């Protein structure tokens, strides 16, 4: 049991480090004297929240390839849809992510359960 918790903490720490490194890389590669594009930063952080919870909720199937494949497909779909939307929207209030997150979980969680149950 203790080894499993250490593994989980290592995964969570790796994700946190990746997010921080990604944000630092984004900020450091921006031309000087330019504004940060906060709607894209918010989208990245929102994506981490949405898929971070999904990953934690399905901890018992981390060893299944079908879980990770489905998660990556859903992540790509998420980015494509939001990339198109963000290019068309000038400002996107952060509070909207609260409602969008719930809507995404309503779609993602049952879909993941169904796909995983087909492969048991």
PDB file of N, CA and C in Angstrom:
ATOM      1  N   UNK A   1       0.828  -1.190   0.000  1.00  0.00           N
ATOM      2  CA  UNK A   1       0.000   0.000   0.000  1.00  0.00           C
ATOM      3  C   UNK A   1       0.873   1.255   0.000  1.00  0.00           C
ATOM      4  N   UNK A   2       1.928   1.254   0.771  1.00  0.00           N
ATOM      5  CA  UNK A   2       2.809   2.407   0.865  1.00  0.00           C
ATOM      6  C   UNK A   2       3.515   2.671  -0.456  1.00  0.00           C
ATOM      7  N   UNK A   3       3.931   1.624  -1.145  1.00  0.00           N
ATOM      8  CA  UNK A   3       4.603   1.780  -2.432  1.00  0.00           C
ATOM      9  C   UNK A   3       3.664   2.395  -3.474  1.00  0.00           C
ATOM     10  N   UNK A   4       2.403   2.020  -3.433  1.00  0.00           N
ATOM     11  CA  UNK A   4       1.413   2.586  -4.355  1.00  0.00           C
ATOM     12  C   UNK A   4       1.241   4.080  -4.101  1.00  0.00           C
ATOM     13  N   UNK A   5       1.209   4.479  -2.850  1.00  0.00           N
ATOM     14  CA  UNK A   5       1.064   5.899  -2.518  1.00  0.00           C
ATOM     15  C   UNK A   5       2.290   6.698  -2.969  1.00  0.00           C
ATOM     16  N   UNK A   6       3.462   6.122  -2.809  1.00  0.00           N
ATOM     17  CA  UNK A   6       4.692   6.782  -3.272  1.00  0.00           C
ATOM     18  C   UNK A   6       4.658   6.949  -4.783  1.00  0.00           C
ATOM     19  N   UNK A   7       4.196   5.925  -5.487  1.00  0.00           N
ATOM     20  CA  UNK A   7       4.070   6.021  -6.946  1.00  0.00           C
ATOM     21  C   UNK A   7       3.087   7.120  -7.341  1.00  0.00           C
ATOM     22  N   UNK A   8       1.949   7.163  -6.658  1.00  0.00           N
ATOM     23  CA  UNK A   8       0.946   8.193  -6.946  1.00  0.00           C
ATOM     24  C   UNK A   8       1.509   9.592  -6.701  1.00  0.00           C
ATOM     25  N   UNK A   9       2.216   9.766  -5.616  1.00  0.00           N
ATOM     26  CA  UNK A   9       2.835  11.063  -5.333  1.00  0.00           C
ATOM     27  C   UNK A   9       3.873  11.427  -6.386  1.00  0.00           C
ATOM     28  N   UNK A  10       4.612  10.437  -6.862  1.00  0.00           N
ATOM     29  CA  UNK A  10       5.608  10.688  -7.909  1.00  0.00           C
ATOM     30  C   UNK A  10       4.934  11.141  -9.193  1.00  0.00           C
ATOM     31  N   UNK A  11       3.825  10.503  -9.556  1.00  0.00           N
ATOM     32  CA  UNK A  11       3.081  10.897 -10.757  1.00  0.00           C
ATOM     33  C   UNK A  11       2.524  12.308 -10.595  1.00  0.00           C
ATOM     34  N   UNK A  12       1.926  12.591  -9.459  1.00  0.00           N
ATOM     35  CA  UNK A  12       1.357  13.918  -9.213  1.00  0.00           C
ATOM     36  C   UNK A  12       2.437  14.989  -9.212  1.00  0.00           C
ATOM     37  N   UNK A  13       3.586  14.679  -8.633  1.00  0.00           N
ATOM     38  CA  UNK A  13       4.705  15.625  -8.615  1.00  0.00           C
ATOM     39  C   UNK A  13       5.234  15.851 -10.026  1.00  0.00           C
ATOM     40  N   UNK A  14       5.332  14.801 -10.817  1.00  0.00           N
ATOM     41  CA  UNK A  14       5.804  14.940 -12.201  1.00  0.00           C
ATOM     42  C   UNK A  14       4.861  15.827 -13.016  1.00  0.00           C
ATOM     43  N   UNK A  15       3.568  15.670 -12.806  1.00  0.00           N
ATOM     44  CA  UNK A  15       2.597  16.506 -13.519  1.00  0.00           C
ATOM     45  C   UNK A  15       2.746  17.966 -13.090  1.00  0.00           C
ATOM     46  N   UNK A  16       2.881  18.194 -11.796  1.00  0.00           N
ATOM     47  CA  UNK A  16       3.049  19.567 -11.303  1.00  0.00           C
ATOM     48  C   UNK A  16       4.322  20.195 -11.843  1.00  0.00           C
ATOM     49  N   UNK A  17       5.407  19.436 -11.861  1.00  0.00           N
ATOM     50  CA  UNK A  17       6.676  19.947 -12.393  1.00  0.00           C
ATOM     51  C   UNK A  17       6.536  20.249 -13.880  1.00  0.00           C
ATOM     52  N   UNK A  18       5.866  19.383 -14.621  1.00  0.00           N
ATOM     53  CA  UNK A  18       5.673  19.609 -16.061  1.00  0.00           C
ATOM     54  C   UNK A  18       4.883  20.887 -16.317  1.00  0.00           C
ATOM     55  N   UNK A  19       3.854  21.129 -15.510  1.00  0.00           N
ATOM     56  CA  UNK A  19       3.052  22.348 -15.671  1.00  0.00           C
ATOM     57  C   UNK A  19       3.906  23.580 -15.384  1.00  0.00           C
ATOM     58  N   UNK A  20       4.657  23.546 -14.298  1.00  0.00           N
ATOM     59  CA  UNK A  20       5.494  24.693 -13.938  1.00  0.00           C
ATOM     60  C   UNK A  20       6.574  24.924 -14.987  1.00  0.00           C
ATOM     61  N   UNK A  21       7.232  23.865 -15.435  1.00  0.00           N
ATOM     62  CA  UNK A  21       8.262  23.999 -16.473  1.00  0.00           C
ATOM     63  C   UNK A  21       7.649  24.537 -17.762  1.00  0.00           C
ATOM     64  N   UNK A  22       6.466  24.054 -18.112  1.00  0.00           N
ATOM     65  CA  UNK A  22       5.782  24.549 -19.305  1.00  0.00           C
ATOM     66  C   UNK A  22       5.462  26.034 -19.214  1.00  0.00           C
ATOM     67  N   UNK A  23       4.964  26.466 -18.061  1.00  0.00           N
ATOM     68  CA  UNK A  23       4.661  27.884 -17.873  1.00  0.00           C
ATOM     69  C   UNK A  23       5.929  28.738 -17.907  1.00  0.00           C
ATOM     70  N   UNK A  24       6.998  28.257 -17.280  1.00  0.00           N
ATOM     71  CA  UNK A  24       8.265  28.995 -17.310  1.00  0.00           C
ATOM     72  C   UNK A  24       8.793  29.075 -18.740  1.00  0.00           C
ATOM     73  N   UNK A  25       8.700  27.973 -19.479  1.00  0.00           N
ATOM     74  CA  UNK A  25       9.144  27.988 -20.878  1.00  0.00           C
ATOM     75  C   UNK A  25       8.316  28.966 -21.703  1.00  0.00           C
ATOM     76  N   UNK A  26       7.022  28.979 -21.465  1.00  0.00           N
ATOM     77  CA  UNK A  26       6.143  29.899 -22.191  1.00  0.00           C
ATOM     78  C   UNK A  26       6.513  31.350 -21.898  1.00  0.00           C
ATOM     79  N   UNK A  27       6.686  31.654 -20.628  1.00  0.00           N
ATOM     80  CA  UNK A  27       7.005  33.028 -20.237  1.00  0.00           C
ATOM     81  C   UNK A  27       8.385  33.432 -20.748  1.00  0.00           C
ATOM     82  N   UNK A  28       9.345  32.540 -20.686  1.00  0.00           N
ATOM     83  CA  UNK A  28      10.714  32.895 -21.080  1.00  0.00           C
ATOM     84  C   UNK A  28      10.907  32.977 -22.593  1.00  0.00           C
ATOM     85  N   UNK A  29      10.033  32.382 -23.373  1.00  0.00           N
ATOM     86  CA  UNK A  29      10.183  32.450 -24.829  1.00  0.00           C
ATOM     87  C   UNK A  29       9.392  33.585 -25.457  1.00  0.00           C
ATOM     88  N   UNK A  30       8.648  34.314 -24.640  1.00  0.00           N
ATOM     89  CA  UNK A  30       7.885  35.456 -25.146  1.00  0.00           C
ATOM     90  C   UNK A  30       8.846  36.588 -25.487  1.00  0.00           C
ATOM     91  N   UNK A  31       8.585  37.305 -26.564  1.00  0.00           N
ATOM     92  CA  UNK A  31       9.406  38.486 -26.854  1.00  0.00           C
ATOM     93  C   UNK A  31       9.301  39.500 -25.713  1.00  0.00           C
ATOM     94  N   UNK A  32      10.366  40.250 -25.484  1.00  0.00           N
ATOM     95  CA  UNK A  32      10.328  41.239 -24.392  1.00  0.00           C
ATOM     96  C   UNK A  32       9.208  42.264 -24.607  1.00  0.00           C
ATOM     97  N   UNK A  33       8.692  42.752 -23.510  1.00  0.00           N
ATOM     98  CA  UNK A  33       7.665  43.799 -23.511  1.00  0.00           C
ATOM     99  C   UNK A  33       6.360  43.389 -24.191  1.00  0.00           C
ATOM    100  N   UNK A  34       6.041  42.118 -24.165  1.00  0.00           N
ATOM    101  CA  UNK A  34       4.755  41.676 -24.694  1.00  0.00           C
ATOM    102  C   UNK A  34       3.910  41.148 -23.536  1.00  0.00           C
ATOM    103  N   UNK A  35       2.623  41.315 -23.691  1.00  0.00           N
ATOM    104  CA  UNK A  35       1.686  40.829 -22.672  1.00  0.00           C
ATOM    105  C   UNK A  35       1.570  39.306 -22.753  1.00  0.00           C
ATOM    106  N   UNK A  36       1.361  38.691 -21.605  1.00  0.00           N
ATOM    107  CA  UNK A  36       1.075  37.263 -21.593  1.00  0.00           C
ATOM    108  C   UNK A  36      -0.353  37.055 -22.068  1.00  0.00           C
ATOM    109  N   UNK A  37      -0.569  36.003 -22.811  1.00  0.00           N
ATOM    110  CA  UNK A  37      -1.909  35.704 -23.300  1.00  0.00           C
ATOM    111  C   UNK A  37      -2.609  34.832 -22.256  1.00  0.00           C
ATOM    112  N   UNK A  38      -3.272  35.488 -21.323  1.00  0.00           N
ATOM    113  CA  UNK A  38      -3.843  34.813 -20.167  1.00  0.00           C
ATOM    114  C   UNK A  38      -4.958  33.851 -20.518  1.00  0.00           C
ATOM    115  N   UNK A  39      -5.648  34.050 -21.633  1.00  0.00           N
ATOM    116  CA  UNK A  39      -6.716  33.103 -21.960  1.00  0.00           C
ATOM    117  C   UNK A  39      -6.128  31.731 -22.299  1.00  0.00           C
ATOM    118  N   UNK A  40      -4.933  31.702 -22.896  1.00  0.00           N
ATOM    119  CA  UNK A  40      -4.281  30.418 -23.199  1.00  0.00           C
ATOM    120  C   UNK A  40      -3.698  29.791 -21.936  1.00  0.00           C
ATOM    121  N   UNK A  41      -3.160  30.602 -21.058  1.00  0.00           N
ATOM    122  CA  UNK A  41      -2.647  30.088 -19.787  1.00  0.00           C
ATOM    123  C   UNK A  41      -3.793  29.501 -18.977  1.00  0.00           C
ATOM    124  N   UNK A  42      -4.919  30.198 -18.938  1.00  0.00           N
ATOM    125  CA  UNK A  42      -6.090  29.687 -18.219  1.00  0.00           C
ATOM    126  C   UNK A  42      -6.582  28.376 -18.832  1.00  0.00           C
ATOM    127  N   UNK A  43      -6.542  28.285 -20.154  1.00  0.00           N
ATOM    128  CA  UNK A  43      -6.963  27.046 -20.817  1.00  0.00           C
ATOM    129  C   UNK A  43      -6.062  25.885 -20.420  1.00  0.00           C
ATOM    130  N   UNK A  44      -4.768  26.105 -20.390  1.00  0.00           N
ATOM    131  CA  UNK A  44      -3.825  25.042 -19.993  1.00  0.00           C
ATOM    132  C   UNK A  44      -4.105  24.607 -18.552  1.00  0.00           C
ATOM    133  N   UNK A  45      -4.250  25.568 -17.667  1.00  0.00           N
ATOM    134  CA  UNK A  45      -4.520  25.239 -16.267  1.00  0.00           C
ATOM    135  C   UNK A  45      -5.867  24.535 -16.117  1.00  0.00           C
ATOM    136  N   UNK A  46      -6.862  24.967 -16.874  1.00  0.00           N
ATOM    137  CA  UNK A  46      -8.163  24.305 -16.857  1.00  0.00           C
ATOM    138  C   UNK A  46      -8.039  22.862 -17.341  1.00  0.00           C
ATOM    139  N   UNK A  47      -7.278  22.655 -18.379  1.00  0.00           N
ATOM    140  CA  UNK A  47      -7.071  21.305 -18.906  1.00  0.00           C
ATOM    141  C   UNK A  47      -6.416  20.415 -17.856  1.00  0.00           C
ATOM    142  N   UNK A  48      -5.453  20.951 -17.143  1.00  0.00           N
ATOM    143  CA  UNK A  48      -4.802  20.193 -16.071  1.00  0.00           C
ATOM    144  C   UNK A  48      -5.829  19.813 -15.002  1.00  0.00           C
ATOM    145  N   UNK A  49      -6.713  20.731 -14.653  1.00  0.00           N
ATOM    146  CA  UNK A  49      -7.737  20.440 -13.643  1.00  0.00           C
ATOM    147  C   UNK A  49      -8.691  19.352 -14.146  1.00  0.00           C
ATOM    148  N   UNK A  50      -9.229  19.547 -15.347  1.00  0.00           N
ATOM    149  CA  UNK A  50     -10.217  18.593 -15.873  1.00  0.00           C
ATOM    150  C   UNK A  50      -9.615  17.191 -15.970  1.00  0.00           C
ATOM    151  N   UNK A  51      -8.483  17.076 -16.646  1.00  0.00           N
ATOM    152  CA  UNK A  51      -7.917  15.755 -16.877  1.00  0.00           C
ATOM    153  C   UNK A  51      -7.170  15.223 -15.661  1.00  0.00           C
ATOM    154  N   UNK A  52      -6.704  16.113 -14.794  1.00  0.00           N
ATOM    155  CA  UNK A  52      -6.099  15.658 -13.541  1.00  0.00           C
ATOM    156  C   UNK A  52      -7.102  14.936 -12.660  1.00  0.00           C
ATOM    157  N   UNK A  53      -8.294  15.496 -12.558  1.00  0.00           N
ATOM    158  CA  UNK A  53      -9.334  14.819 -11.785  1.00  0.00           C
ATOM    159  C   UNK A  53      -9.738  13.506 -12.444  1.00  0.00           C
ATOM    160  N   UNK A  54      -9.869  13.502 -13.755  1.00  0.00           N
ATOM    161  CA  UNK A  54     -10.239  12.258 -14.452  1.00  0.00           C
ATOM    162  C   UNK A  54      -9.192  11.183 -14.188  1.00  0.00           C
ATOM    163  N   UNK A  55      -7.927  11.552 -14.278  1.00  0.00           N
ATOM    164  CA  UNK A  55      -6.855  10.586 -14.024  1.00  0.00           C
ATOM    165  C   UNK A  55      -6.944  10.063 -12.594  1.00  0.00           C
ATOM    166  N   UNK A  56      -7.170  10.953 -11.640  1.00  0.00           N
ATOM    167  CA  UNK A  56      -7.238  10.497 -10.240  1.00  0.00           C
ATOM    168  C   UNK A  56      -8.479   9.635  -9.981  1.00  0.00           C
ATOM    169  N   UNK A  57      -9.594   9.942 -10.638  1.00  0.00           N
ATOM    170  CA  UNK A  57     -10.806   9.162 -10.445  1.00  0.00           C
ATOM    171  C   UNK A  57     -10.693   7.754 -11.016  1.00  0.00           C
ATOM    172  N   UNK A  58      -9.825   7.577 -12.005  1.00  0.00           N
ATOM    173  CA  UNK A  58      -9.668   6.262 -12.642  1.00  0.00           C
ATOM    174  C   UNK A  58      -8.345   5.615 -12.276  1.00  0.00           C
ATOM    175  N   UNK A  59      -7.879   5.875 -11.078  1.00  0.00           N
ATOM    176  CA  UNK A  59      -6.596   5.359 -10.609  1.00  0.00           C
ATOM    177  C   UNK A  59      -6.518   3.835 -10.702  1.00  0.00           C
ATOM    178  N   UNK A  60      -7.624   3.165 -10.512  1.00  0.00           N
ATOM    179  CA  UNK A  60      -7.625   1.700 -10.515  1.00  0.00           C
ATOM    180  C   UNK A  60      -7.371   1.095 -11.900  1.00  0.00           C
ATOM    181  N   UNK A  61      -7.437   1.885 -12.960  1.00  0.00           N
ATOM    182  CA  UNK A  61      -7.202   1.354 -14.311  1.00  0.00           C
ATOM    183  C   UNK A  61      -6.005   2.005 -15.002  1.00  0.00           C
ATOM    184  N   UNK A  62      -5.107   2.579 -14.224  1.00  0.00           N
ATOM    185  CA  UNK A  62      -3.921   3.198 -14.811  1.00  0.00           C
ATOM    186  C   UNK A  62      -3.089   2.208 -15.618  1.00  0.00           C
ATOM    187  N   UNK A  63      -3.151   0.958 -15.267  1.00  0.00           N
ATOM    188  CA  UNK A  63      -2.354  -0.053 -15.951  1.00  0.00           C
ATOM    189  C   UNK A  63      -2.930  -0.495 -17.288  1.00  0.00           C
ATOM    190  N   UNK A  64      -4.093  -0.014 -17.651  1.00  0.00           N
ATOM    191  CA  UNK A  64      -4.743  -0.432 -18.897  1.00  0.00           C
ATOM    192  C   UNK A  64      -4.432   0.557 -20.018  1.00  0.00           C
ATOM    193  N   UNK A  65      -3.988   0.031 -21.123  1.00  0.00           N
ATOM    194  CA  UNK A  65      -3.663   0.854 -22.286  1.00  0.00           C
ATOM    195  C   UNK A  65      -4.904   1.569 -22.821  1.00  0.00           C
ATOM    196  N   UNK A  66      -6.057   0.913 -22.751  1.00  0.00           N
ATOM    197  CA  UNK A  66      -7.287   1.512 -23.265  1.00  0.00           C
ATOM    198  C   UNK A  66      -7.623   2.801 -22.515  1.00  0.00           C
ATOM    199  N   UNK A  67      -7.317   2.863 -21.238  1.00  0.00           N
ATOM    200  CA  UNK A  67      -7.565   4.079 -20.468  1.00  0.00           C
ATOM    201  C   UNK A  67      -6.718   5.230 -20.995  1.00  0.00           C
ATOM    202  N   UNK A  68      -5.422   5.000 -21.137  1.00  0.00           N
ATOM    203  CA  UNK A  68      -4.515   6.062 -21.573  1.00  0.00           C
ATOM    204  C   UNK A  68      -4.777   6.464 -23.019  1.00  0.00           C
ATOM    205  N   UNK A  69      -5.105   5.506 -23.855  1.00  0.00           N
ATOM    206  CA  UNK A  69      -5.424   5.824 -25.251  1.00  0.00           C
ATOM    207  C   UNK A  69      -6.662   6.701 -25.331  1.00  0.00           C
ATOM    208  N   UNK A  70      -7.699   6.300 -24.626  1.00  0.00           N
ATOM    209  CA  UNK A  70      -8.941   7.073 -24.608  1.00  0.00           C
ATOM    210  C   UNK A  70      -8.713   8.463 -24.018  1.00  0.00           C
ATOM    211  N   UNK A  71      -7.917   8.539 -22.953  1.00  0.00           N
ATOM    212  CA  UNK A  71      -7.625   9.821 -22.323  1.00  0.00           C
ATOM    213  C   UNK A  71      -6.902  10.758 -23.302  1.00  0.00           C
ATOM    214  N   UNK A  72      -5.943  10.233 -24.035  1.00  0.00           N
ATOM    215  CA  UNK A  72      -5.198  11.057 -25.000  1.00  0.00           C
ATOM    216  C   UNK A  72      -6.115  11.526 -26.123  1.00  0.00           C
ATOM    217  N   UNK A  73      -6.987  10.655 -26.596  1.00  0.00           N
ATOM    218  CA  UNK A  73      -7.940  11.057 -27.644  1.00  0.00           C
ATOM    219  C   UNK A  73      -8.844  12.176 -27.125  1.00  0.00           C
ATOM    220  N   UNK A  74      -9.365  12.014 -25.921  1.00  0.00           N
ATOM    221  CA  UNK A  74     -10.228  13.048 -25.337  1.00  0.00           C
ATOM    222  C   UNK A  74      -9.461  14.349 -25.108  1.00  0.00           C
ATOM    223  N   UNK A  75      -8.204  14.242 -24.734  1.00  0.00           N
ATOM    224  CA  UNK A  75      -7.371  15.428 -24.538  1.00  0.00           C
ATOM    225  C   UNK A  75      -7.149  16.171 -25.850  1.00  0.00           C
ATOM    226  N   UNK A  76      -6.902  15.446 -26.911  1.00  0.00           N
ATOM    227  CA  UNK A  76      -6.723  16.069 -28.233  1.00  0.00           C
ATOM    228  C   UNK A  76      -8.029  16.740 -28.675  1.00  0.00           C
ATOM    229  N   UNK A  77      -9.145  16.047 -28.497  1.00  0.00           N
ATOM    230  CA  UNK A  77     -10.448  16.634 -28.855  1.00  0.00           C
ATOM    231  C   UNK A  77     -10.689  17.909 -28.040  1.00  0.00           C
ATOM    232  N   UNK A  78     -10.381  17.862 -26.758  1.00  0.00           N
ATOM    233  CA  UNK A  78     -10.529  19.019 -25.872  1.00  0.00           C
ATOM    234  C   UNK A  78      -9.708  20.199 -26.413  1.00  0.00           C
ATOM    235  N   UNK A  79      -8.454  19.957 -26.748  1.00  0.00           N
ATOM    236  CA  UNK A  79      -7.596  21.038 -27.239  1.00  0.00           C
ATOM    237  C   UNK A  79      -8.049  21.572 -28.592  1.00  0.00           C
ATOM    238  N   UNK A  80      -8.492  20.699 -29.469  1.00  0.00           N
ATOM    239  CA  UNK A  80      -8.952  21.156 -30.787  1.00  0.00           C
ATOM    240  C   UNK A  80     -10.178  22.058 -30.630  1.00  0.00           C
ATOM    241  N   UNK A  81     -11.155  21.590 -29.869  1.00  0.00           N
ATOM    242  CA  UNK A  81     -12.380  22.383 -29.683  1.00  0.00           C
ATOM    243  C   UNK A  81     -12.070  23.720 -29.019  1.00  0.00           C
ATOM    244  N   UNK A  82     -11.284  23.690 -27.944  1.00  0.00           N
ATOM    245  CA  UNK A  82     -10.983  24.932 -27.245  1.00  0.00           C
ATOM    246  C   UNK A  82     -10.063  25.845 -28.052  1.00  0.00           C
ATOM    247  N   UNK A  83      -9.161  25.293 -28.839  1.00  0.00           N
ATOM    248  CA  UNK A  83      -8.290  26.127 -29.676  1.00  0.00           C
ATOM    249  C   UNK A  83      -9.116  26.891 -30.703  1.00  0.00           C
ATOM    250  N   UNK A  84     -10.059  26.212 -31.303  1.00  0.00           N
ATOM    251  CA  UNK A  84     -10.940  26.884 -32.271  1.00  0.00           C
ATOM    252  C   UNK A  84     -11.753  27.969 -31.565  1.00  0.00           C
ATOM    253  N   UNK A  85     -12.308  27.627 -30.414  1.00  0.00           N
ATOM    254  CA  UNK A  85     -13.130  28.598 -29.673  1.00  0.00           C
ATOM    255  C   UNK A  85     -12.298  29.789 -29.210  1.00  0.00           C
ATOM    256  N   UNK A  86     -11.109  29.538 -28.701  1.00  0.00           N
ATOM    257  CA  UNK A  86     -10.282  30.622 -28.168  1.00  0.00           C
ATOM    258  C   UNK A  86      -9.796  31.582 -29.259  1.00  0.00           C
ATOM    259  N   UNK A  87      -9.627  31.071 -30.445  1.00  0.00           N
ATOM    260  CA  UNK A  87      -9.207  31.956 -31.545  1.00  0.00           C
ATOM    261  C   UNK A  87     -10.339  32.899 -31.961  1.00  0.00           C
ATOM    262  N   UNK A  88     -11.567  32.505 -31.707  1.00  0.00           N
ATOM    263  CA  UNK A  88     -12.725  33.311 -32.101  1.00  0.00           C
ATOM    264  C   UNK A  88     -13.229  34.221 -30.972  1.00  0.00           C
ATOM    265  N   UNK A  89     -12.839  33.923 -29.745  1.00  0.00           N
ATOM    266  CA  UNK A  89     -13.325  34.678 -28.591  1.00  0.00           C
ATOM    267  C   UNK A  89     -12.215  35.613 -28.115  1.00  0.00           C
ATOM    268  N   UNK A  90     -12.563  36.873 -27.980  1.00  0.00           N
ATOM    269  CA  UNK A  90     -11.577  37.870 -27.531  1.00  0.00           C
ATOM    270  C   UNK A  90     -11.249  37.711 -26.052  1.00  0.00           C
ATOM    271  N   UNK A  91     -12.279  37.638 -25.222  1.00  0.00           N
ATOM    272  CA  UNK A  91     -12.082  37.484 -23.778  1.00  0.00           C
ATOM    273  C   UNK A  91     -12.967  36.346 -23.293  1.00  0.00           C
ATOM    274  N   UNK A  92     -12.425  35.537 -22.413  1.00  0.00           N
ATOM    275  CA  UNK A  92     -13.161  34.392 -21.892  1.00  0.00           C
ATOM    276  C   UNK A  92     -13.056  34.416 -20.373  1.00  0.00           C
ATOM    277  N   UNK A  93     -14.109  34.857 -19.682  1.00  0.00           N
ATOM    278  CA  UNK A  93     -14.043  34.942 -18.220  1.00  0.00           C
ATOM    279  C   UNK A  93     -13.738  33.583 -17.586  1.00  0.00           C
ATOM    280  N   UNK A  94     -12.840  33.591 -16.634  1.00  0.00           N
ATOM    281  CA  UNK A  94     -12.387  32.363 -15.992  1.00  0.00           C
ATOM    282  C   UNK A  94     -13.524  31.622 -15.297  1.00  0.00           C
ATOM    283  N   UNK A  95     -14.509  32.317 -14.803  1.00  0.00           N
ATOM    284  CA  UNK A  95     -15.624  31.674 -14.099  1.00  0.00           C
ATOM    285  C   UNK A  95     -16.368  30.707 -15.020  1.00  0.00           C
ATOM    286  N   UNK A  96     -16.338  30.951 -16.314  1.00  0.00           N
ATOM    287  CA  UNK A  96     -17.011  30.054 -17.256  1.00  0.00           C
ATOM    288  C   UNK A  96     -16.418  28.646 -17.223  1.00  0.00           C
ATOM    289  N   UNK A  97     -15.135  28.556 -16.890  1.00  0.00           N
ATOM    290  CA  UNK A  97     -14.504  27.239 -16.829  1.00  0.00           C
ATOM    291  C   UNK A  97     -15.166  26.343 -15.785  1.00  0.00           C
ATOM    292  N   UNK A  98     -15.715  26.930 -14.739  1.00  0.00           N
ATOM    293  CA  UNK A  98     -16.398  26.138 -13.717  1.00  0.00           C
ATOM    294  C   UNK A  98     -17.536  25.335 -14.335  1.00  0.00           C
ATOM    295  N   UNK A  99     -18.326  25.992 -15.143  1.00  0.00           N
ATOM    296  CA  UNK A  99     -19.459  25.317 -15.781  1.00  0.00           C
ATOM    297  C   UNK A  99     -18.998  24.363 -16.880  1.00  0.00           C
ATOM    298  N   UNK A 100     -17.997  24.771 -17.608  1.00  0.00           N
ATOM    299  CA  UNK A 100     -17.471  23.930 -18.687  1.00  0.00           C
ATOM    300  C   UNK A 100     -16.827  22.673 -18.119  1.00  0.00           C
ATOM    301  N   UNK A 101     -16.114  22.809 -16.990  1.00  0.00           N
ATOM    302  CA  UNK A 101     -15.499  21.638 -16.362  1.00  0.00           C
ATOM    303  C   UNK A 101     -16.540  20.593 -15.998  1.00  0.00           C
ATOM    304  N   UNK A 102     -17.603  21.035 -15.370  1.00  0.00           N
ATOM    305  CA  UNK A 102     -18.670  20.102 -14.984  1.00  0.00           C
ATOM    306  C   UNK A 102     -19.264  19.444 -16.224  1.00  0.00           C
ATOM    307  N   UNK A 103     -19.492  20.229 -17.274  1.00  0.00           N
ATOM    308  CA  UNK A 103     -20.050  19.674 -18.515  1.00  0.00           C
ATOM    309  C   UNK A 103     -19.093  18.648 -19.128  1.00  0.00           C
ATOM    310  N   UNK A 104     -17.805  18.947 -19.095  1.00  0.00           N
ATOM    311  CA  UNK A 104     -16.837  17.991 -19.641  1.00  0.00           C
ATOM    312  C   UNK A 104     -16.815  16.706 -18.828  1.00  0.00           C
ATOM    313  N   UNK A 105     -16.870  16.810 -17.496  1.00  0.00           N
ATOM    314  CA  UNK A 105     -16.880  15.614 -16.664  1.00  0.00           C
ATOM    315  C   UNK A 105     -18.134  14.785 -16.899  1.00  0.00           C
ATOM    316  N   UNK A 106     -19.258  15.453 -17.151  1.00  0.00           N
ATOM    317  CA  UNK A 106     -20.508  14.746 -17.428  1.00  0.00           C
ATOM    318  C   UNK A 106     -20.374  13.914 -18.697  1.00  0.00           C
ATOM    319  N   UNK A 107     -19.569  14.373 -19.639  1.00  0.00           N
ATOM    320  CA  UNK A 107     -19.353  13.634 -20.875  1.00  0.00           C
ATOM    321  C   UNK A 107     -18.213  12.621 -20.721  1.00  0.00           C
ATOM    322  N   UNK A 108     -17.090  13.054 -20.157  1.00  0.00           N
ATOM    323  CA  UNK A 108     -15.881  12.231 -20.118  1.00  0.00           C
ATOM    324  C   UNK A 108     -16.021  11.019 -19.199  1.00  0.00           C
ATOM    325  N   UNK A 109     -16.508  11.218 -17.988  1.00  0.00           N
ATOM    326  CA  UNK A 109     -16.520  10.129 -17.005  1.00  0.00           C
ATOM    327  C   UNK A 109     -17.375   8.942 -17.460  1.00  0.00           C
ATOM    328  N   UNK A 110     -18.626   9.131 -17.893  1.00  0.00           N
ATOM    329  CA  UNK A 110     -19.385   7.965 -18.371  1.00  0.00           C
ATOM    330  C   UNK A 110     -18.755   7.322 -19.607  1.00  0.00           C
ATOM    331  N   UNK A 111     -18.198   8.144 -20.477  1.00  0.00           N
ATOM    332  CA  UNK A 111     -17.541   7.604 -21.668  1.00  0.00           C
ATOM    333  C   UNK A 111     -16.349   6.727 -21.279  1.00  0.00           C
ATOM    334  N   UNK A 112     -15.549   7.210 -20.347  1.00  0.00           N
ATOM    335  CA  UNK A 112     -14.392   6.426 -19.887  1.00  0.00           C
ATOM    336  C   UNK A 112     -14.850   5.126 -19.229  1.00  0.00           C
ATOM    337  N   UNK A 113     -15.890   5.206 -18.410  1.00  0.00           N
ATOM    338  CA  UNK A 113     -16.400   3.987 -17.761  1.00  0.00           C
ATOM    339  C   UNK A 113     -16.864   2.969 -18.788  1.00  0.00           C
ATOM    340  N   UNK A 114     -17.558   3.463 -19.811  1.00  0.00           N
ATOM    341  CA  UNK A 114     -18.076   2.559 -20.844  1.00  0.00           C
ATOM    342  C   UNK A 114     -16.929   1.911 -21.615  1.00  0.00           C
ATOM    343  N   UNK A 115     -15.956   2.686 -22.020  1.00  0.00           N
ATOM    344  CA  UNK A 115     -14.832   2.154 -22.803  1.00  0.00           C
ATOM    345  C   UNK A 115     -14.033   1.165 -21.974  1.00  0.00           C
ATOM    346  N   UNK A 116     -13.807   1.492 -20.711  1.00  0.00           N
ATOM    347  CA  UNK A 116     -13.033   0.590 -19.857  1.00  0.00           C
ATOM    348  C   UNK A 116     -13.808  -0.693 -19.573  1.00  0.00           C
ATOM    349  N   UNK A 117     -15.127  -0.596 -19.402  1.00  0.00           N
ATOM    350  CA  UNK A 117     -15.922  -1.802 -19.108  1.00  0.00           C
ATOM    351  C   UNK A 117     -15.965  -2.741 -20.309  1.00  0.00           C
ATOM    352  N   UNK A 118     -15.829  -2.223 -21.530  1.00  0.00           N
ATOM    353  CA  UNK A 118     -15.791  -3.083 -22.707  1.00  0.00           C
ATOM    354  C   UNK A 118     -14.541  -3.949 -22.733  1.00  0.00           C
ATOM    355  N   UNK A 119     -13.487  -3.496 -22.070  1.00  0.00           N
ATOM    356  CA  UNK A 119     -12.193  -4.198 -22.125  1.00  0.00           C
ATOM    357  C   UNK A 119     -11.876  -4.943 -20.848  1.00  0.00           C
ATOM    358  N   UNK A 120     -12.849  -5.263 -20.050  1.00  0.00           N
ATOM    359  CA  UNK A 120     -12.584  -6.028 -18.812  1.00  0.00           C
ATOM    360  C   UNK A 120     -12.728  -7.482 -19.052  1.00  0.00           C
TER     361      UNK A 120
END
